[in-house]
Amino acid sequence: MTHLKPLASGIAFASAALFASAAQADDQTLDFGVPAWPGITVKSAIAEQLLNPLGYETTTQEIGLQVIYQGIESGDIDAFLGAWLPAQREMFNPRKESGVLVDVANNVDGAQMTLAVPEYLYEDGLQSFADLDDYRDQLNGEIHGFGAGSAASEILNNAIDNDTWGLGDWQLVDTSEVAMLSAARDSISREEPIVWVGWTPHWMNLELPMRYLDDEKDLFGENNGESEVLTLLRSGYADANPNVVTFFEQFTFSAEEQSWMIQQFGQEERELDSVAEQWINENAERVEAMLADVTTTDGDPAWPVIEAQLNE
């Protein structure tokens, strides 16, 4: 196994109310928008640990999803590695059409988002959205979500407003990802009914006995919530930095890899830099492929710079 010398991550978290102001913003600095999602946080840290030694300055702002899209539009945010589609289409489509952002690549293979239930409840007969209303009393008419303002929240609130699948008298219990999954874990430990917003990649798929519900109306997207997780760049930044675009075109992961990242950082609560370093250390060939045709800011090949920091 190889070991990576410590790399400066350049991570600086900011509140949603305190963007790095436009007056202070440096167009040469790559500003990542990162919601409080472990997988996006780790991927952003990996990107920083690879780009910083190449001469790129980076910052990371931990802010809400809607603020990220607004930041791309205003010029405060340059990159976002978690554009789940079709779930975020209402935020993504207008800005794509206006040309303020470009989608560079789908950075996760095998992503999915839809409603999930414990395996025992699935085996009992709750296997699709069409079955939900039959289980309304057992579930107290509640669907557990991971935060108001999320794309999943908008999808489910629209379904409730339109009485889709008979959900008109249901309630979306929007808390946080941690609280939602704590409720799921607690219910599973007692073998009680619960339905929540599930997705992969995520550690829940590794640790919880769960199944995804079928949805013939494709509320979360075609093929039962099959998703893309797009890398977005602010158009102005992408135009000025084609070398970074090349890097992000090749910066991709499997759902299983990102589930591991989420488990290690979000569940095991390991240090962010340590998780990112471990992935780089254990995937040198993948990193080399990510850096194909990428250069430093001085125009030198990128891979030898990173390779030089890997020791036996």
Foldseek 3Di string as FASTA:
>chain_A
DWFFDDADQLEDEDELVDQPDPVRDDLQEAEEEAEPAQLQLLLSSLVSRQQVLLPGHYYYYHYDDLSQLVCLVVVSHFKYQFPKPPLCVVSPVVCVVVQQKDWQAQFEPFKFKAKKKAPVVVVVPQAALLCVVVCCVLAVLEEEEAAPPGSVNVLVVVCLVVCPSPSVPHDYHYDHPVVRVVVRVVCVVVVGIHMYMDMFPALCVVPGRMDQHHYPVQSLHPPNGGITGTMMGGNVSCVVCVLVSLLRSLNHDYRVVSNVSNCVCVPVVDDSSVSSRVVCLVPVVSVVRSQVVHHRPVRHRSSVSRVVRIDD
